[in-house]
């Protein structure tokens, strides 16, 4: 994070937009919107730890019900371990992982109260 904004150069790694969810120190939790290619490029940045791409399938965030992949869990756990935070165990869903991480930023975080749309 840089001054409350994502620490990304949107001229090099463009996205459609983002929502700042909360902050711990100089770390920001964001929801990003963009094309598949934009989100892949964003997640490839060393300062970004992406969780899961979600689509508008008619079911609100159905992708969150899947079990977190080993590759994503390893990237997240590397970030958590470097900060002395408890890691994510195998078998957790993306939703449980997202809730646990975001609640470390804000204990009152409630994903069900969030509505994000691309317009």
PDB file of N, CA and C in Angstrom:
ATOM      1  N   UNK A   1       0.836  -1.161   0.000  1.00  0.00           N
ATOM      2  CA  UNK A   1       0.000   0.000   0.000  1.00  0.00           C
ATOM      3  C   UNK A   1       0.888   1.234   0.000  1.00  0.00           C
ATOM      4  N   UNK A   2       0.437   2.273  -0.669  1.00  0.00           N
ATOM      5  CA  UNK A   2       1.185   3.521  -0.703  1.00  0.00           C
ATOM      6  C   UNK A   2       0.174   4.661  -0.558  1.00  0.00           C
ATOM      7  N   UNK A   3       0.146   5.282   0.622  1.00  0.00           N
ATOM      8  CA  UNK A   3      -0.792   6.379   0.853  1.00  0.00           C
ATOM      9  C   UNK A   3      -2.246   5.961   0.769  1.00  0.00           C
ATOM     10  N   UNK A   4      -2.556   4.741   1.158  1.00  0.00           N
ATOM     11  CA  UNK A   4      -3.927   4.243   1.112  1.00  0.00           C
ATOM     12  C   UNK A   4      -4.318   3.617  -0.206  1.00  0.00           C
ATOM     13  N   UNK A   5      -3.461   3.773  -1.212  1.00  0.00           N
ATOM     14  CA  UNK A   5      -3.732   3.201  -2.532  1.00  0.00           C
ATOM     15  C   UNK A   5      -2.934   1.923  -2.731  1.00  0.00           C
ATOM     16  N   UNK A   6      -3.397   1.047  -3.619  1.00  0.00           N
ATOM     17  CA  UNK A   6      -2.609  -0.159  -3.895  1.00  0.00           C
ATOM     18  C   UNK A   6      -1.230   0.215  -4.418  1.00  0.00           C
ATOM     19  N   UNK A   7      -0.229  -0.506  -3.994  1.00  0.00           N
ATOM     20  CA  UNK A   7       1.148  -0.255  -4.421  1.00  0.00           C
ATOM     21  C   UNK A   7       1.406  -0.936  -5.763  1.00  0.00           C
ATOM     22  N   UNK A   8       0.703  -0.437  -6.785  1.00  0.00           N
ATOM     23  CA  UNK A   8       0.872  -0.962  -8.142  1.00  0.00           C
ATOM     24  C   UNK A   8       0.956   0.209  -9.109  1.00  0.00           C
ATOM     25  N   UNK A   9       1.662   0.016 -10.192  1.00  0.00           N
ATOM     26  CA  UNK A   9       1.750   1.011 -11.247  1.00  0.00           C
ATOM     27  C   UNK A   9       0.712   0.640 -12.293  1.00  0.00           C
ATOM     28  N   UNK A  10      -0.419   1.325 -12.291  1.00  0.00           N
ATOM     29  CA  UNK A  10      -1.509   0.965 -13.192  1.00  0.00           C
ATOM     30  C   UNK A  10      -1.197   1.261 -14.656  1.00  0.00           C
ATOM     31  N   UNK A  11      -0.147   2.019 -14.918  1.00  0.00           N
ATOM     32  CA  UNK A  11       0.277   2.217 -16.306  1.00  0.00           C
ATOM     33  C   UNK A  11       0.919   0.942 -16.844  1.00  0.00           C
ATOM     34  N   UNK A  12       1.531   0.173 -15.950  1.00  0.00           N
ATOM     35  CA  UNK A  12       2.189  -1.085 -16.340  1.00  0.00           C
ATOM     36  C   UNK A  12       1.262  -2.271 -16.097  1.00  0.00           C
ATOM     37  N   UNK A  13       0.565  -2.248 -14.980  1.00  0.00           N
ATOM     38  CA  UNK A  13      -0.346  -3.337 -14.608  1.00  0.00           C
ATOM     39  C   UNK A  13      -1.737  -2.732 -14.398  1.00  0.00           C
ATOM     40  N   UNK A  14      -2.475  -2.521 -15.491  1.00  0.00           N
ATOM     41  CA  UNK A  14      -3.787  -1.875 -15.350  1.00  0.00           C
ATOM     42  C   UNK A  14      -4.835  -2.823 -14.760  1.00  0.00           C
ATOM     43  N   UNK A  15      -5.803  -2.246 -14.064  1.00  0.00           N
ATOM     44  CA  UNK A  15      -6.982  -2.954 -13.557  1.00  0.00           C
ATOM     45  C   UNK A  15      -8.173  -2.024 -13.788  1.00  0.00           C
ATOM     46  N   UNK A  16      -9.377  -2.566 -13.720  1.00  0.00           N
ATOM     47  CA  UNK A  16     -10.565  -1.716 -13.894  1.00  0.00           C
ATOM     48  C   UNK A  16     -10.819  -0.869 -12.661  1.00  0.00           C
ATOM     49  N   UNK A  17     -10.578  -1.438 -11.487  1.00  0.00           N
ATOM     50  CA  UNK A  17     -10.810  -0.693 -10.262  1.00  0.00           C
ATOM     51  C   UNK A  17     -10.516  -1.537  -9.043  1.00  0.00           C
ATOM     52  N   UNK A  18     -10.691  -0.924  -7.888  1.00  0.00           N
ATOM     53  CA  UNK A  18     -10.450  -1.640  -6.639  1.00  0.00           C
ATOM     54  C   UNK A  18     -11.261  -1.005  -5.522  1.00  0.00           C
ATOM     55  N   UNK A  19     -11.458  -1.789  -4.467  1.00  0.00           N
ATOM     56  CA  UNK A  19     -12.079  -1.306  -3.241  1.00  0.00           C
ATOM     57  C   UNK A  19     -11.118  -1.616  -2.103  1.00  0.00           C
ATOM     58  N   UNK A  20     -10.785  -0.612  -1.324  1.00  0.00           N
ATOM     59  CA  UNK A  20      -9.908  -0.779  -0.168  1.00  0.00           C
ATOM     60  C   UNK A  20     -10.759  -1.263   0.995  1.00  0.00           C
ATOM     61  N   UNK A  21     -10.483  -2.464   1.480  1.00  0.00           N
ATOM     62  CA  UNK A  21     -11.298  -3.060   2.543  1.00  0.00           C
ATOM     63  C   UNK A  21     -10.801  -2.696   3.934  1.00  0.00           C
ATOM     64  N   UNK A  22      -9.486  -2.706   4.124  1.00  0.00           N
ATOM     65  CA  UNK A  22      -8.949  -2.345   5.435  1.00  0.00           C
ATOM     66  C   UNK A  22      -7.430  -2.340   5.384  1.00  0.00           C
ATOM     67  N   UNK A  23      -6.802  -1.961   6.505  1.00  0.00           N
ATOM     68  CA  UNK A  23      -5.357  -1.778   6.578  1.00  0.00           C
ATOM     69  C   UNK A  23      -4.807  -2.355   7.873  1.00  0.00           C
ATOM     70  N   UNK A  24      -3.637  -3.001   7.774  1.00  0.00           N
ATOM     71  CA  UNK A  24      -2.829  -3.350   8.942  1.00  0.00           C
ATOM     72  C   UNK A  24      -1.448  -2.777   8.656  1.00  0.00           C
ATOM     73  N   UNK A  25      -1.012  -1.832   9.470  1.00  0.00           N
ATOM     74  CA  UNK A  25       0.289  -1.202   9.218  1.00  0.00           C
ATOM     75  C   UNK A  25       0.300  -0.578   7.832  1.00  0.00           C
ATOM     76  N   UNK A  26       1.240  -1.015   6.993  1.00  0.00           N
ATOM     77  CA  UNK A  26       1.314  -0.520   5.621  1.00  0.00           C
ATOM     78  C   UNK A  26       0.814  -1.563   4.622  1.00  0.00           C
ATOM     79  N   UNK A  27       0.035  -2.516   5.102  1.00  0.00           N
ATOM     80  CA  UNK A  27      -0.532  -3.561   4.244  1.00  0.00           C
ATOM     81  C   UNK A  27      -2.009  -3.268   4.036  1.00  0.00           C
ATOM     82  N   UNK A  28      -2.453  -3.318   2.792  1.00  0.00           N
ATOM     83  CA  UNK A  28      -3.857  -3.074   2.485  1.00  0.00           C
ATOM     84  C   UNK A  28      -4.541  -4.329   1.992  1.00  0.00           C
ATOM     85  N   UNK A  29      -5.799  -4.476   2.341  1.00  0.00           N
ATOM     86  CA  UNK A  29      -6.642  -5.563   1.833  1.00  0.00           C
ATOM     87  C   UNK A  29      -7.591  -4.938   0.814  1.00  0.00           C
ATOM     88  N   UNK A  30      -7.564  -5.450  -0.409  1.00  0.00           N
ATOM     89  CA  UNK A  30      -8.334  -4.878  -1.507  1.00  0.00           C
ATOM     90  C   UNK A  30      -9.127  -5.939  -2.244  1.00  0.00           C
ATOM     91  N   UNK A  31     -10.231  -5.527  -2.842  1.00  0.00           N
ATOM     92  CA  UNK A  31     -10.930  -6.304  -3.857  1.00  0.00           C
ATOM     93  C   UNK A  31     -10.651  -5.592  -5.176  1.00  0.00           C
ATOM     94  N   UNK A  32     -10.139  -6.314  -6.164  1.00  0.00           N
ATOM     95  CA  UNK A  32      -9.822  -5.737  -7.472  1.00  0.00           C
ATOM     96  C   UNK A  32     -10.801  -6.226  -8.516  1.00  0.00           C
ATOM     97  N   UNK A  33     -11.085  -5.389  -9.497  1.00  0.00           N
ATOM     98  CA  UNK A  33     -11.855  -5.819 -10.664  1.00  0.00           C
ATOM     99  C   UNK A  33     -10.995  -5.593 -11.899  1.00  0.00           C
ATOM    100  N   UNK A  34     -11.165  -6.471 -12.861  1.00  0.00           N
ATOM    101  CA  UNK A  34     -10.422  -6.363 -14.106  1.00  0.00           C
ATOM    102  C   UNK A  34     -10.658  -7.579 -14.970  1.00  0.00           C
ATOM    103  N   UNK A  35     -10.027  -7.587 -16.109  1.00  0.00           N
ATOM    104  CA  UNK A  35     -10.121  -8.748 -16.982  1.00  0.00           C
ATOM    105  C   UNK A  35      -9.305  -9.885 -16.388  1.00  0.00           C
ATOM    106  N   UNK A  36      -9.510 -11.082 -16.899  1.00  0.00           N
ATOM    107  CA  UNK A  36      -8.729 -12.218 -16.433  1.00  0.00           C
ATOM    108  C   UNK A  36      -7.239 -11.967 -16.579  1.00  0.00           C
ATOM    109  N   UNK A  37      -6.831 -11.440 -17.731  1.00  0.00           N
ATOM    110  CA  UNK A  37      -5.410 -11.162 -17.975  1.00  0.00           C
ATOM    111  C   UNK A  37      -4.874 -10.107 -17.010  1.00  0.00           C
ATOM    112  N   UNK A  38      -5.670  -9.077 -16.731  1.00  0.00           N
ATOM    113  CA  UNK A  38      -5.231  -8.036 -15.795  1.00  0.00           C
ATOM    114  C   UNK A  38      -5.035  -8.609 -14.390  1.00  0.00           C
ATOM    115  N   UNK A  39      -5.951  -9.463 -13.966  1.00  0.00           N
ATOM    116  CA  UNK A  39      -5.845 -10.026 -12.622  1.00  0.00           C
ATOM    117  C   UNK A  39      -4.688 -11.008 -12.506  1.00  0.00           C
ATOM    118  N   UNK A  40      -4.407 -11.741 -13.570  1.00  0.00           N
ATOM    119  CA  UNK A  40      -3.239 -12.642 -13.581  1.00  0.00           C
ATOM    120  C   UNK A  40      -1.953 -11.831 -13.469  1.00  0.00           C
ATOM    121  N   UNK A  41      -1.868 -10.743 -14.223  1.00  0.00           N
ATOM    122  CA  UNK A  41      -0.677  -9.880 -14.163  1.00  0.00           C
ATOM    123  C   UNK A  41      -0.543  -9.236 -12.788  1.00  0.00           C
ATOM    124  N   UNK A  42      -1.653  -8.819 -12.215  1.00  0.00           N
ATOM    125  CA  UNK A  42      -1.638  -8.217 -10.883  1.00  0.00           C
ATOM    126  C   UNK A  42      -1.126  -9.215  -9.845  1.00  0.00           C
ATOM    127  N   UNK A  43      -1.621 -10.433  -9.902  1.00  0.00           N
ATOM    128  CA  UNK A  43      -1.225 -11.455  -8.942  1.00  0.00           C
ATOM    129  C   UNK A  43       0.236 -11.857  -9.100  1.00  0.00           C
ATOM    130  N   UNK A  44       0.813 -11.636 -10.261  1.00  0.00           N
ATOM    131  CA  UNK A  44       2.218 -11.980 -10.490  1.00  0.00           C
ATOM    132  C   UNK A  44       3.174 -10.991  -9.824  1.00  0.00           C
ATOM    133  N   UNK A  45       2.674  -9.834  -9.404  1.00  0.00           N
ATOM    134  CA  UNK A  45       3.534  -8.847  -8.748  1.00  0.00           C
ATOM    135  C   UNK A  45       3.977  -9.369  -7.386  1.00  0.00           C
ATOM    136  N   UNK A  46       5.233  -9.120  -7.017  1.00  0.00           N
ATOM    137  CA  UNK A  46       5.739  -9.661  -5.748  1.00  0.00           C
ATOM    138  C   UNK A  46       5.033  -9.105  -4.515  1.00  0.00           C
ATOM    139  N   UNK A  47       4.487  -7.911  -4.588  1.00  0.00           N
ATOM    140  CA  UNK A  47       3.834  -7.296  -3.434  1.00  0.00           C
ATOM    141  C   UNK A  47       2.344  -7.630  -3.346  1.00  0.00           C
ATOM    142  N   UNK A  48       1.852  -8.465  -4.275  1.00  0.00           N
ATOM    143  CA  UNK A  48       0.430  -8.824  -4.297  1.00  0.00           C
ATOM    144  C   UNK A  48       0.267 -10.303  -3.954  1.00  0.00           C
ATOM    145  N   UNK A  49      -0.677 -10.582  -3.083  1.00  0.00           N
ATOM    146  CA  UNK A  49      -1.033 -11.960  -2.758  1.00  0.00           C
ATOM    147  C   UNK A  49      -2.512 -12.110  -3.082  1.00  0.00           C
ATOM    148  N   UNK A  50      -2.792 -12.623  -4.275  1.00  0.00           N
ATOM    149  CA  UNK A  50      -4.169 -12.793  -4.713  1.00  0.00           C
ATOM    150  C   UNK A  50      -4.763 -14.070  -4.155  1.00  0.00           C
ATOM    151  N   UNK A  51      -6.055 -14.050  -3.935  1.00  0.00           N
ATOM    152  CA  UNK A  51      -6.726 -15.223  -3.378  1.00  0.00           C
ATOM    153  C   UNK A  51      -7.453 -16.005  -4.465  1.00  0.00           C
ATOM    154  N   UNK A  52      -8.448 -15.399  -5.095  1.00  0.00           N
ATOM    155  CA  UNK A  52      -9.246 -16.127  -6.084  1.00  0.00           C
ATOM    156  C   UNK A  52      -9.931 -15.124  -7.003  1.00  0.00           C
ATOM    157  N   UNK A  53     -10.029 -15.488  -8.271  1.00  0.00           N
ATOM    158  CA  UNK A  53     -10.781 -14.680  -9.230  1.00  0.00           C
ATOM    159  C   UNK A  53     -12.233 -15.117  -9.181  1.00  0.00           C
ATOM    160  N   UNK A  54     -13.120 -14.140  -9.201  1.00  0.00           N
ATOM    161  CA  UNK A  54     -14.546 -14.444  -9.140  1.00  0.00           C
ATOM    162  C   UNK A  54     -15.233 -13.860 -10.364  1.00  0.00           C
ATOM    163  N   UNK A  55     -16.276 -14.528 -10.805  1.00  0.00           N
ATOM    164  CA  UNK A  55     -17.025 -14.084 -11.973  1.00  0.00           C
ATOM    165  C   UNK A  55     -18.469 -13.827 -11.583  1.00  0.00           C
ATOM    166  N   UNK A  56     -19.171 -13.154 -12.465  1.00  0.00           N
ATOM    167  CA  UNK A  56     -20.597 -12.912 -12.256  1.00  0.00           C
ATOM    168  C   UNK A  56     -21.362 -14.034 -12.927  1.00  0.00           C
ATOM    169  N   UNK A  57     -21.567 -15.108 -12.187  1.00  0.00           N
ATOM    170  CA  UNK A  57     -22.210 -16.300 -12.745  1.00  0.00           C
ATOM    171  C   UNK A  57     -23.680 -16.384 -12.364  1.00  0.00           C
ATOM    172  N   UNK A  58     -24.198 -15.378 -11.704  1.00  0.00           N
ATOM    173  CA  UNK A  58     -25.570 -15.415 -11.219  1.00  0.00           C
ATOM    174  C   UNK A  58     -25.667 -15.913  -9.786  1.00  0.00           C
ATOM    175  N   UNK A  59     -24.610 -16.569  -9.314  1.00  0.00           N
ATOM    176  CA  UNK A  59     -24.538 -17.017  -7.928  1.00  0.00           C
ATOM    177  C   UNK A  59     -23.451 -16.176  -7.267  1.00  0.00           C
ATOM    178  N   UNK A  60     -23.801 -15.450  -6.213  1.00  0.00           N
ATOM    179  CA  UNK A  60     -22.860 -14.521  -5.606  1.00  0.00           C
ATOM    180  C   UNK A  60     -21.601 -15.243  -5.143  1.00  0.00           C
ATOM    181  N   UNK A  61     -20.515 -15.024  -5.847  1.00  0.00           N
ATOM    182  CA  UNK A  61     -19.184 -15.476  -5.498  1.00  0.00           C
ATOM    183  C   UNK A  61     -19.091 -16.984  -5.276  1.00  0.00           C
ATOM    184  N   UNK A  62     -19.625 -17.737  -6.202  1.00  0.00           N
ATOM    185  CA  UNK A  62     -19.628 -19.204  -6.089  1.00  0.00           C
ATOM    186  C   UNK A  62     -18.214 -19.770  -5.975  1.00  0.00           C
ATOM    187  N   UNK A  63     -17.233 -19.095  -6.577  1.00  0.00           N
ATOM    188  CA  UNK A  63     -15.844 -19.575  -6.540  1.00  0.00           C
ATOM    189  C   UNK A  63     -15.299 -19.684  -5.123  1.00  0.00           C
ATOM    190  N   UNK A  64     -15.872 -18.931  -4.188  1.00  0.00           N
ATOM    191  CA  UNK A  64     -15.380 -18.958  -2.813  1.00  0.00           C
ATOM    192  C   UNK A  64     -15.664 -20.275  -2.109  1.00  0.00           C
ATOM    193  N   UNK A  65     -16.566 -21.078  -2.663  1.00  0.00           N
ATOM    194  CA  UNK A  65     -16.906 -22.356  -2.039  1.00  0.00           C
ATOM    195  C   UNK A  65     -15.884 -23.448  -2.323  1.00  0.00           C
ATOM    196  N   UNK A  66     -15.004 -23.238  -3.296  1.00  0.00           N
ATOM    197  CA  UNK A  66     -13.985 -24.239  -3.621  1.00  0.00           C
ATOM    198  C   UNK A  66     -12.884 -24.299  -2.584  1.00  0.00           C
ATOM    199  N   UNK A  67     -12.214 -25.440  -2.518  1.00  0.00           N
ATOM    200  CA  UNK A  67     -11.078 -25.616  -1.604  1.00  0.00           C
ATOM    201  C   UNK A  67      -9.875 -24.882  -2.184  1.00  0.00           C
ATOM    202  N   UNK A  68      -9.185 -24.141  -1.344  1.00  0.00           N
ATOM    203  CA  UNK A  68      -8.051 -23.330  -1.788  1.00  0.00           C
ATOM    204  C   UNK A  68      -6.970 -24.221  -2.401  1.00  0.00           C
ATOM    205  N   UNK A  69      -6.420 -23.758  -3.512  1.00  0.00           N
ATOM    206  CA  UNK A  69      -5.385 -24.544  -4.191  1.00  0.00           C
ATOM    207  C   UNK A  69      -4.077 -24.508  -3.401  1.00  0.00           C
ATOM    208  N   UNK A  70      -3.262 -25.507  -3.620  1.00  0.00           N
ATOM    209  CA  UNK A  70      -1.969 -25.599  -2.927  1.00  0.00           C
ATOM    210  C   UNK A  70      -1.107 -24.388  -3.267  1.00  0.00           C
ATOM    211  N   UNK A  71      -1.067 -23.999  -4.537  1.00  0.00           N
ATOM    212  CA  UNK A  71      -0.219 -22.874  -4.957  1.00  0.00           C
ATOM    213  C   UNK A  71      -0.638 -21.573  -4.273  1.00  0.00           C
ATOM    214  N   UNK A  72      -1.936 -21.302  -4.225  1.00  0.00           N
ATOM    215  CA  UNK A  72      -2.427 -20.075  -3.582  1.00  0.00           C
ATOM    216  C   UNK A  72      -2.179 -20.138  -2.077  1.00  0.00           C
ATOM    217  N   UNK A  73      -2.457 -21.278  -1.479  1.00  0.00           N
ATOM    218  CA  UNK A  73      -2.240 -21.427  -0.028  1.00  0.00           C
ATOM    219  C   UNK A  73      -0.767 -21.224   0.314  1.00  0.00           C
ATOM    220  N   UNK A  74       0.135 -21.764  -0.508  1.00  0.00           N
ATOM    221  CA  UNK A  74       1.568 -21.585  -0.246  1.00  0.00           C
ATOM    222  C   UNK A  74       1.978 -20.124  -0.329  1.00  0.00           C
ATOM    223  N   UNK A  75       1.460 -19.389  -1.320  1.00  0.00           N
ATOM    224  CA  UNK A  75       1.804 -17.967  -1.452  1.00  0.00           C
ATOM    225  C   UNK A  75       1.274 -17.178  -0.256  1.00  0.00           C
ATOM    226  N   UNK A  76       0.046 -17.463   0.140  1.00  0.00           N
ATOM    227  CA  UNK A  76      -0.543 -16.784   1.298  1.00  0.00           C
ATOM    228  C   UNK A  76       0.220 -17.140   2.574  1.00  0.00           C
ATOM    229  N   UNK A  77       0.537 -18.410   2.754  1.00  0.00           N
ATOM    230  CA  UNK A  77       1.242 -18.836   3.968  1.00  0.00           C
ATOM    231  C   UNK A  77       2.640 -18.257   4.054  1.00  0.00           C
ATOM    232  N   UNK A  78       3.304 -18.082   2.920  1.00  0.00           N
ATOM    233  CA  UNK A  78       4.615 -17.427   2.911  1.00  0.00           C
ATOM    234  C   UNK A  78       4.484 -16.007   3.448  1.00  0.00           C
ATOM    235  N   UNK A  79       3.451 -15.289   2.972  1.00  0.00           N
ATOM    236  CA  UNK A  79       3.201 -13.913   3.413  1.00  0.00           C
ATOM    237  C   UNK A  79       2.865 -13.892   4.900  1.00  0.00           C
ATOM    238  N   UNK A  80       1.972 -14.790   5.342  1.00  0.00           N
ATOM    239  CA  UNK A  80       1.579 -14.828   6.750  1.00  0.00           C
ATOM    240  C   UNK A  80       2.755 -15.178   7.661  1.00  0.00           C
ATOM    241  N   UNK A  81       3.529 -16.188   7.276  1.00  0.00           N
ATOM    242  CA  UNK A  81       4.683 -16.621   8.082  1.00  0.00           C
ATOM    243  C   UNK A  81       5.704 -15.510   8.243  1.00  0.00           C
ATOM    244  N   UNK A  82       5.928 -14.750   7.180  1.00  0.00           N
ATOM    245  CA  UNK A  82       6.901 -13.647   7.223  1.00  0.00           C
ATOM    246  C   UNK A  82       6.485 -12.568   8.214  1.00  0.00           C
ATOM    247  N   UNK A  83       5.205 -12.536   8.568  1.00  0.00           N
ATOM    248  CA  UNK A  83       4.701 -11.544   9.505  1.00  0.00           C
ATOM    249  C   UNK A  83       4.332 -12.152  10.856  1.00  0.00           C
ATOM    250  N   UNK A  84       4.727 -13.412  11.060  1.00  0.00           N
ATOM    251  CA  UNK A  84       4.470 -14.078  12.331  1.00  0.00           C
ATOM    252  C   UNK A  84       3.001 -14.396  12.568  1.00  0.00           C
ATOM    253  N   UNK A  85       2.224 -14.514  11.487  1.00  0.00           N
ATOM    254  CA  UNK A  85       0.795 -14.799  11.612  1.00  0.00           C
ATOM    255  C   UNK A  85       0.521 -16.274  11.358  1.00  0.00           C
ATOM    256  N   UNK A  86      -0.542 -16.774  11.955  1.00  0.00           N
ATOM    257  CA  UNK A  86      -0.926 -18.172  11.795  1.00  0.00           C
ATOM    258  C   UNK A  86      -1.235 -18.467  10.329  1.00  0.00           C
ATOM    259  N   UNK A  87      -0.761 -19.613   9.848  1.00  0.00           N
ATOM    260  CA  UNK A  87      -0.940 -19.983   8.443  1.00  0.00           C
ATOM    261  C   UNK A  87      -2.296 -20.656   8.204  1.00  0.00           C
ATOM    262  N   UNK A  88      -2.617 -20.828   6.931  1.00  0.00           N
ATOM    263  CA  UNK A  88      -3.876 -21.422   6.499  1.00  0.00           C
ATOM    264  C   UNK A  88      -3.660 -22.922   6.275  1.00  0.00           C
ATOM    265  N   UNK A  89      -4.444 -23.768   6.922  1.00  0.00           N
ATOM    266  CA  UNK A  89      -4.270 -25.216   6.738  1.00  0.00           C
ATOM    267  C   UNK A  89      -4.893 -25.711   5.435  1.00  0.00           C
ATOM    268  N   UNK A  90      -4.435 -26.853   4.989  1.00  0.00           N
ATOM    269  CA  UNK A  90      -5.000 -27.490   3.798  1.00  0.00           C
ATOM    270  C   UNK A  90      -6.474 -27.795   4.045  1.00  0.00           C
ATOM    271  N   UNK A  91      -7.258 -27.760   2.982  1.00  0.00           N
ATOM    272  CA  UNK A  91      -8.661 -28.129   3.069  1.00  0.00           C
ATOM    273  C   UNK A  91      -9.619 -26.980   3.304  1.00  0.00           C
ATOM    274  N   UNK A  92      -9.111 -25.793   3.646  1.00  0.00           N
ATOM    275  CA  UNK A  92      -9.997 -24.657   3.833  1.00  0.00           C
ATOM    276  C   UNK A  92     -10.530 -24.191   2.487  1.00  0.00           C
ATOM    277  N   UNK A  93     -11.740 -23.653   2.494  1.00  0.00           N
ATOM    278  CA  UNK A  93     -12.302 -23.063   1.280  1.00  0.00           C
ATOM    279  C   UNK A  93     -11.710 -21.662   1.092  1.00  0.00           C
ATOM    280  N   UNK A  94     -11.890 -21.142  -0.119  1.00  0.00           N
ATOM    281  CA  UNK A  94     -11.456 -19.766  -0.373  1.00  0.00           C
ATOM    282  C   UNK A  94     -12.208 -18.799   0.545  1.00  0.00           C
ATOM    283  N   UNK A  95     -13.503 -19.061   0.776  1.00  0.00           N
ATOM    284  CA  UNK A  95     -14.290 -18.166   1.623  1.00  0.00           C
ATOM    285  C   UNK A  95     -13.762 -18.164   3.055  1.00  0.00           C
ATOM    286  N   UNK A  96     -13.503 -19.331   3.621  1.00  0.00           N
ATOM    287  CA  UNK A  96     -12.992 -19.378   4.989  1.00  0.00           C
ATOM    288  C   UNK A  96     -11.636 -18.683   5.068  1.00  0.00           C
ATOM    289  N   UNK A  97     -10.794 -18.906   4.064  1.00  0.00           N
ATOM    290  CA  UNK A  97      -9.484 -18.265   4.025  1.00  0.00           C
ATOM    291  C   UNK A  97      -9.627 -16.753   3.950  1.00  0.00           C
ATOM    292  N   UNK A  98     -10.487 -16.275   3.056  1.00  0.00           N
ATOM    293  CA  UNK A  98     -10.709 -14.842   2.905  1.00  0.00           C
ATOM    294  C   UNK A  98     -11.204 -14.237   4.215  1.00  0.00           C
ATOM    295  N   UNK A  99     -12.175 -14.889   4.836  1.00  0.00           N
ATOM    296  CA  UNK A  99     -12.718 -14.372   6.098  1.00  0.00           C
ATOM    297  C   UNK A  99     -11.653 -14.321   7.185  1.00  0.00           C
ATOM    298  N   UNK A 100     -10.855 -15.365   7.302  1.00  0.00           N
ATOM    299  CA  UNK A 100      -9.818 -15.402   8.342  1.00  0.00           C
ATOM    300  C   UNK A 100      -8.776 -14.311   8.126  1.00  0.00           C
ATOM    301  N   UNK A 101      -8.370 -14.107   6.886  1.00  0.00           N
ATOM    302  CA  UNK A 101      -7.365 -13.080   6.596  1.00  0.00           C
ATOM    303  C   UNK A 101      -7.954 -11.694   6.805  1.00  0.00           C
ATOM    304  N   UNK A 102      -9.132 -11.427   6.235  1.00  0.00           N
ATOM    305  CA  UNK A 102      -9.719 -10.099   6.358  1.00  0.00           C
ATOM    306  C   UNK A 102     -10.089  -9.777   7.805  1.00  0.00           C
ATOM    307  N   UNK A 103     -10.456 -10.780   8.589  1.00  0.00           N
ATOM    308  CA  UNK A 103     -10.774 -10.519   9.996  1.00  0.00           C
ATOM    309  C   UNK A 103      -9.528 -10.175  10.798  1.00  0.00           C
ATOM    310  N   UNK A 104      -8.364 -10.514  10.273  1.00  0.00           N
ATOM    311  CA  UNK A 104      -7.122 -10.069  10.921  1.00  0.00           C
ATOM    312  C   UNK A 104      -6.922  -8.578  10.684  1.00  0.00           C
ATOM    313  N   UNK A 105      -7.492  -8.077   9.593  1.00  0.00           N
ATOM    314  CA  UNK A 105      -7.471  -6.646   9.315  1.00  0.00           C
ATOM    315  C   UNK A 105      -8.579  -5.943  10.102  1.00  0.00           C
ATOM    316  N   UNK A 106      -9.752  -6.570  10.157  1.00  0.00           N
ATOM    317  CA  UNK A 106     -10.908  -5.960  10.811  1.00  0.00           C
ATOM    318  C   UNK A 106     -11.780  -7.076  11.354  1.00  0.00           C
ATOM    319  N   UNK A 107     -11.857  -7.201  12.661  1.00  0.00           N
ATOM    320  CA  UNK A 107     -12.575  -8.323  13.273  1.00  0.00           C
ATOM    321  C   UNK A 107     -14.068  -8.326  12.949  1.00  0.00           C
ATOM    322  N   UNK A 108     -14.614  -7.197  12.487  1.00  0.00           N
ATOM    323  CA  UNK A 108     -16.033  -7.121  12.136  1.00  0.00           C
ATOM    324  C   UNK A 108     -16.285  -7.319  10.649  1.00  0.00           C
ATOM    325  N   UNK A 109     -15.261  -7.701   9.886  1.00  0.00           N
ATOM    326  CA  UNK A 109     -15.418  -7.882   8.442  1.00  0.00           C
ATOM    327  C   UNK A 109     -16.518  -8.898   8.150  1.00  0.00           C
ATOM    328  N   UNK A 110     -17.406  -8.550   7.216  1.00  0.00           N
ATOM    329  CA  UNK A 110     -18.528  -9.418   6.854  1.00  0.00           C
ATOM    330  C   UNK A 110     -18.672  -9.428   5.337  1.00  0.00           C
ATOM    331  N   UNK A 111     -18.228 -10.496   4.702  1.00  0.00           N
ATOM    332  CA  UNK A 111     -18.286 -10.573   3.247  1.00  0.00           C
ATOM    333  C   UNK A 111     -19.712 -10.565   2.725  1.00  0.00           C
ATOM    334  N   UNK A 112     -20.644 -11.059   3.491  1.00  0.00           N
ATOM    335  CA  UNK A 112     -22.026 -11.118   3.016  1.00  0.00           C
ATOM    336  C   UNK A 112     -22.659  -9.738   2.915  1.00  0.00           C
ATOM    337  N   UNK A 113     -22.065  -8.752   3.545  1.00  0.00           N
ATOM    338  CA  UNK A 113     -22.587  -7.392   3.480  1.00  0.00           C
ATOM    339  C   UNK A 113     -21.967  -6.564   2.365  1.00  0.00           C
ATOM    340  N   UNK A 114     -21.114  -7.170   1.558  1.00  0.00           N
ATOM    341  CA  UNK A 114     -20.410  -6.457   0.482  1.00  0.00           C
ATOM    342  C   UNK A 114     -21.088  -6.727  -0.848  1.00  0.00           C
ATOM    343  N   UNK A 115     -21.235  -5.674  -1.642  1.00  0.00           N
ATOM    344  CA  UNK A 115     -21.749  -5.839  -3.003  1.00  0.00           C
ATOM    345  C   UNK A 115     -20.792  -5.110  -3.936  1.00  0.00           C
ATOM    346  N   UNK A 116     -20.207  -5.836  -4.866  1.00  0.00           N
ATOM    347  CA  UNK A 116     -19.272  -5.249  -5.829  1.00  0.00           C
ATOM    348  C   UNK A 116     -19.784  -5.598  -7.216  1.00  0.00           C
ATOM    349  N   UNK A 117     -19.769  -4.634  -8.100  1.00  0.00           N
ATOM    350  CA  UNK A 117     -20.202  -4.890  -9.471  1.00  0.00           C
ATOM    351  C   UNK A 117     -19.344  -4.092 -10.437  1.00  0.00           C
ATOM    352  N   UNK A 118     -19.176  -4.624 -11.630  1.00  0.00           N
ATOM    353  CA  UNK A 118     -18.508  -3.905 -12.718  1.00  0.00           C
ATOM    354  C   UNK A 118     -19.575  -3.171 -13.505  1.00  0.00           C
ATOM    355  N   UNK A 119     -19.405  -1.870 -13.680  1.00  0.00           N
ATOM    356  CA  UNK A 119     -20.384  -1.118 -14.468  1.00  0.00           C
ATOM    357  C   UNK A 119     -19.704  -0.393 -15.590  1.00  0.00           C
TER     358      UNK A 119
END
